[in-house]
N, C-alpha and C. Protein backbone atom coordinates (compact mmCIF):
# COMPACT_ATOMS: atom_id res chain seq x y z
N MET A 1 79.92 131.56 71.58
CA MET A 1 81.01 131.47 71.91
C MET A 1 81.02 130.74 73.64
N GLN A 2 79.93 131.18 74.20
CA GLN A 2 79.64 130.65 75.66
C GLN A 2 79.59 129.03 75.41
N SER A 3 78.96 128.48 74.33
CA SER A 3 78.57 126.75 73.80
C SER A 3 80.26 126.18 73.44
N SER A 4 80.94 126.66 73.27
CA SER A 4 82.39 126.18 72.75
C SER A 4 83.02 126.18 73.95
N LEU A 5 83.32 127.15 74.80
CA LEU A 5 84.16 126.98 76.26
C LEU A 5 83.32 126.21 77.05
N MET A 6 81.81 125.96 77.20
CA MET A 6 81.09 124.55 77.77
C MET A 6 81.57 123.54 77.40
N SER A 7 81.91 123.24 76.01
CA SER A 7 82.27 121.97 75.37
C SER A 7 83.54 121.68 75.73
N MET A 8 84.54 122.49 75.60
CA MET A 8 85.62 122.43 76.49
C MET A 8 86.06 122.31 78.07
N LEU A 9 85.12 122.44 78.66
CA LEU A 9 85.34 122.44 80.12
C LEU A 9 85.24 121.13 80.59
N PRO A 10 84.69 120.11 79.96
CA PRO A 10 85.10 118.44 80.64
C PRO A 10 86.70 118.25 79.94
N LEU A 11 87.03 118.57 79.13
CA LEU A 11 88.43 118.10 78.49
C LEU A 11 89.50 118.52 79.25
N VAL A 12 89.17 120.09 79.55
CA VAL A 12 90.40 120.76 80.66
C VAL A 12 90.40 120.05 82.04
N LEU A 13 89.15 119.72 82.44
CA LEU A 13 88.72 119.05 83.84
C LEU A 13 89.61 117.71 83.83
N MET A 14 89.65 117.03 82.76
CA MET A 14 89.97 115.68 82.70
C MET A 14 91.45 115.66 82.72
N PHE A 15 92.40 116.85 82.04
CA PHE A 15 93.43 116.76 82.15
C PHE A 15 94.19 117.24 83.48
N VAL A 16 93.15 118.32 84.25
CA VAL A 16 93.50 118.62 85.47
C VAL A 16 93.33 117.41 86.52
N VAL A 17 92.32 116.49 86.54
CA VAL A 17 92.32 115.56 86.96
C VAL A 17 93.59 114.44 86.92
N LEU A 18 94.05 114.16 85.51
CA LEU A 18 95.35 113.71 85.14
C LEU A 18 96.40 114.09 85.67
N TYR A 19 96.41 115.14 85.79
CA TYR A 19 97.87 115.81 86.39
C TYR A 19 97.83 115.29 87.75
N PHE A 20 96.73 115.41 88.53
CA PHE A 20 96.94 115.54 89.93
C PHE A 20 96.73 113.80 90.27
N VAL A 21 96.14 113.10 89.65
CA VAL A 21 95.91 111.29 89.85
C VAL A 21 97.30 110.55 89.58
N MET A 22 97.94 110.95 88.33
CA MET A 22 99.04 110.40 87.60
C MET A 22 100.35 111.08 87.55
N ILE A 23 100.47 112.32 86.87
CA ILE A 23 101.54 113.07 86.67
C ILE A 23 102.34 113.42 87.99
N ARG A 24 101.56 113.92 88.71
CA ARG A 24 102.42 114.49 89.93
C ARG A 24 102.75 113.58 90.95
N PRO A 25 102.17 112.56 91.15
CA PRO A 25 102.58 111.31 92.00
C PRO A 25 103.99 110.59 91.47
N GLN A 26 103.89 110.47 90.51
CA GLN A 26 105.00 109.80 89.49
C GLN A 26 106.35 110.72 89.62
N MET A 27 105.73 112.09 89.41
CA MET A 27 107.32 113.01 89.48
C MET A 27 107.60 112.93 90.76
N LYS A 28 106.94 113.01 91.77
CA LYS A 28 107.19 112.77 93.38
C LYS A 28 108.14 111.97 93.70
N LYS A 29 107.57 110.58 93.09
CA LYS A 29 108.30 109.18 93.41
C LYS A 29 109.96 109.44 92.54
N GLN A 30 109.63 109.79 91.40
CA GLN A 30 111.15 110.06 90.74
C GLN A 30 112.14 110.95 91.80
N LYS A 31 111.61 112.09 92.29
CA LYS A 31 112.33 112.78 93.12
C LYS A 31 112.97 112.22 94.27
N GLU A 32 112.21 111.44 94.65
CA GLU A 32 112.62 110.68 96.31
C GLU A 32 113.83 109.33 95.41
N HIS A 33 113.49 108.96 94.63
CA HIS A 33 114.46 107.77 94.15
C HIS A 33 115.63 108.74 93.72
N ARG A 34 115.54 109.69 93.14
CA ARG A 34 116.96 110.64 92.85
C ARG A 34 117.83 111.05 94.02
N SER A 35 116.83 111.38 95.11
CA SER A 35 117.65 111.65 96.39
C SER A 35 118.08 110.60 97.24
N MET A 36 117.34 109.24 96.78
CA MET A 36 117.89 108.22 97.45
C MET A 36 119.42 107.74 97.18
N ILE A 37 119.30 107.88 95.57
CA ILE A 37 120.52 107.58 94.62
C ILE A 37 121.70 108.53 95.03
N ASP A 38 121.38 109.67 95.25
CA ASP A 38 122.42 110.95 95.63
C ASP A 38 122.87 110.26 96.96
N ALA A 39 122.14 110.13 97.63
CA ALA A 39 122.90 110.05 99.27
C ALA A 39 123.38 108.62 99.26
N LEU A 40 123.46 107.72 98.46
CA LEU A 40 124.47 106.55 98.77
C LEU A 40 125.73 106.66 99.16
N ALA A 41 126.26 105.89 100.08
CA ALA A 41 127.44 105.80 100.73
C ALA A 41 128.08 104.61 100.63
N LYS A 42 129.45 104.47 100.41
CA LYS A 42 130.26 103.33 100.70
C LYS A 42 129.56 102.30 102.10
N GLY A 43 129.50 101.13 101.81
CA GLY A 43 128.97 100.29 103.01
C GLY A 43 127.42 100.44 103.10
N ASP A 44 126.78 100.95 102.53
CA ASP A 44 125.41 100.71 102.39
C ASP A 44 124.90 99.62 101.97
N GLU A 45 123.98 98.92 102.53
CA GLU A 45 123.32 97.60 101.94
C GLU A 45 122.07 97.99 101.32
N VAL A 46 121.91 97.27 100.05
CA VAL A 46 121.00 97.66 98.93
C VAL A 46 120.49 96.81 98.41
N VAL A 47 119.30 96.97 97.39
CA VAL A 47 118.69 96.23 96.74
C VAL A 47 118.73 96.61 95.31
N THR A 48 119.14 95.66 94.15
CA THR A 48 118.66 96.13 92.82
C THR A 48 117.28 96.14 92.13
N SER A 49 117.53 96.55 91.15
CA SER A 49 116.11 95.98 90.32
C SER A 49 115.63 94.61 89.96
N GLY A 50 117.05 93.87 89.95
CA GLY A 50 117.02 92.52 89.67
C GLY A 50 116.84 91.75 90.86
N GLY A 51 116.67 92.21 91.70
CA GLY A 51 116.59 91.39 93.14
C GLY A 51 117.85 91.01 93.95
N MET A 52 119.08 91.69 93.41
CA MET A 52 120.25 91.24 94.18
C MET A 52 120.52 92.30 95.42
N LEU A 53 120.61 91.39 96.25
CA LEU A 53 121.17 92.49 97.73
C LEU A 53 122.58 92.35 97.64
N GLY A 54 123.09 93.44 98.22
CA GLY A 54 124.69 93.61 98.18
C GLY A 54 125.02 94.94 99.21
N LYS A 55 126.35 94.95 99.16
CA LYS A 55 127.09 96.06 100.12
C LYS A 55 127.75 96.87 98.96
N VAL A 56 127.59 98.48 99.16
CA VAL A 56 128.47 99.27 97.96
C VAL A 56 129.52 99.20 98.66
N SER A 57 130.36 98.77 97.91
CA SER A 57 132.27 98.56 98.19
C SER A 57 132.74 99.71 97.47
N LYS A 58 132.09 100.32 96.02
CA LYS A 58 132.90 101.27 95.23
C LYS A 58 132.09 102.23 94.91
N MET A 59 132.18 103.35 94.82
CA MET A 59 131.26 104.49 94.07
C MET A 59 132.16 105.05 92.88
N GLY A 60 131.33 105.16 92.07
CA GLY A 60 131.25 105.76 90.64
C GLY A 60 130.76 107.09 90.09
N ASP A 61 130.58 107.56 89.13
CA ASP A 61 129.66 108.55 88.98
C ASP A 61 128.31 107.84 88.61
N SER A 62 128.64 107.07 87.69
CA SER A 62 127.27 106.31 86.86
C SER A 62 127.01 104.72 87.57
N TYR A 63 128.29 104.31 88.06
CA TYR A 63 128.35 102.97 88.61
C TYR A 63 128.85 102.60 89.83
N LEU A 64 128.28 101.84 90.26
CA LEU A 64 128.53 101.14 91.95
C LEU A 64 129.07 100.03 91.87
N GLY A 65 130.17 99.93 92.65
CA GLY A 65 130.51 98.24 93.23
C GLY A 65 129.81 97.60 94.10
N LEU A 66 129.31 96.41 93.89
CA LEU A 66 128.24 96.03 94.98
C LEU A 66 128.90 94.49 95.17
N GLU A 67 129.16 94.51 96.35
CA GLU A 67 129.65 93.32 97.14
C GLU A 67 128.58 92.38 97.12
N ILE A 68 128.18 91.27 96.55
CA ILE A 68 127.00 90.29 97.02
C ILE A 68 127.55 89.20 97.66
N ALA A 69 128.60 88.81 97.68
CA ALA A 69 129.42 87.48 98.54
C ALA A 69 130.40 88.00 99.02
N ASN A 70 131.23 87.21 99.90
CA ASN A 70 132.74 87.14 100.48
C ASN A 70 133.70 87.16 98.80
N GLY A 71 134.39 88.43 98.45
CA GLY A 71 135.13 88.16 97.23
C GLY A 71 134.47 88.17 95.85
N VAL A 72 133.11 88.69 96.23
CA VAL A 72 132.44 88.80 94.62
C VAL A 72 131.53 89.75 94.84
N GLU A 73 132.20 90.74 93.40
CA GLU A 73 131.77 91.89 93.55
C GLU A 73 131.40 92.24 92.03
N VAL A 74 130.40 92.84 91.69
CA VAL A 74 129.58 93.23 90.56
C VAL A 74 129.55 94.74 90.46
N GLN A 75 129.67 95.22 88.97
CA GLN A 75 128.98 96.59 88.89
C GLN A 75 127.90 96.85 88.57
N VAL A 76 127.17 97.67 88.94
CA VAL A 76 125.52 98.00 88.63
C VAL A 76 125.48 99.46 88.45
N GLN A 77 124.63 99.98 87.92
CA GLN A 77 124.76 101.30 87.27
C GLN A 77 123.70 101.76 88.87
N ARG A 78 123.70 103.05 89.00
CA ARG A 78 123.11 103.82 90.14
C ARG A 78 121.52 103.50 89.97
N GLY A 79 121.12 103.59 88.95
CA GLY A 79 119.72 103.74 88.77
C GLY A 79 119.17 102.32 88.86
N ALA A 80 119.83 101.40 89.05
CA ALA A 80 119.19 100.09 89.35
C ALA A 80 118.99 100.06 90.65
N ILE A 81 119.39 100.73 91.67
CA ILE A 81 119.23 100.64 93.06
C ILE A 81 117.61 101.08 93.25
N VAL A 82 117.01 99.94 93.85
CA VAL A 82 115.78 100.19 94.20
C VAL A 82 115.42 100.78 95.91
N GLN A 83 116.16 100.11 96.60
CA GLN A 83 116.09 100.24 97.73
C GLN A 83 117.33 100.28 98.54
N VAL A 84 117.18 101.14 99.87
CA VAL A 84 118.42 101.00 100.64
C VAL A 84 118.02 100.33 102.02
N LEU A 85 118.72 99.24 102.36
CA LEU A 85 118.44 98.34 103.41
C LEU A 85 118.84 98.93 104.69
N PRO A 86 118.35 98.88 105.88
CA PRO A 86 118.70 99.20 107.30
C PRO A 86 120.07 98.39 107.40
N LYS A 87 121.22 99.00 108.19
CA LYS A 87 122.40 98.45 108.62
C LYS A 87 122.11 97.10 109.17
N GLY A 88 123.11 95.99 108.62
CA GLY A 88 122.98 94.53 109.34
C GLY A 88 121.85 93.88 108.65
N SER A 89 121.17 94.12 107.73
CA SER A 89 120.14 93.45 107.15
C SER A 89 120.52 92.18 106.40
N ILE A 90 121.85 92.45 105.72
CA ILE A 90 122.37 91.27 105.06
C ILE A 90 123.33 90.43 105.92
N LYS A 91 123.15 89.31 106.19
CA LYS A 91 124.06 88.62 106.85
C LYS A 91 125.05 87.52 106.27
């Protein structure tokens, strides 16, 4: 009985280390991204996952209107936003 518990110990320790090294940081990153997406407002300057820079011009439930140049507006999914830039970054 005791030898079977000792043989399972390395496997259990491996899962504990895996949780703290890989799974927990990824969940924290997802939570931060979700809160950033929820906090988006009209007029924010953002970067998409494709590398486009633009200003949020329209807000929807799952899509945003992104003005990438004067008079040029594209629709992107909320999840495609990677970063919110400081105001005045885009000229």
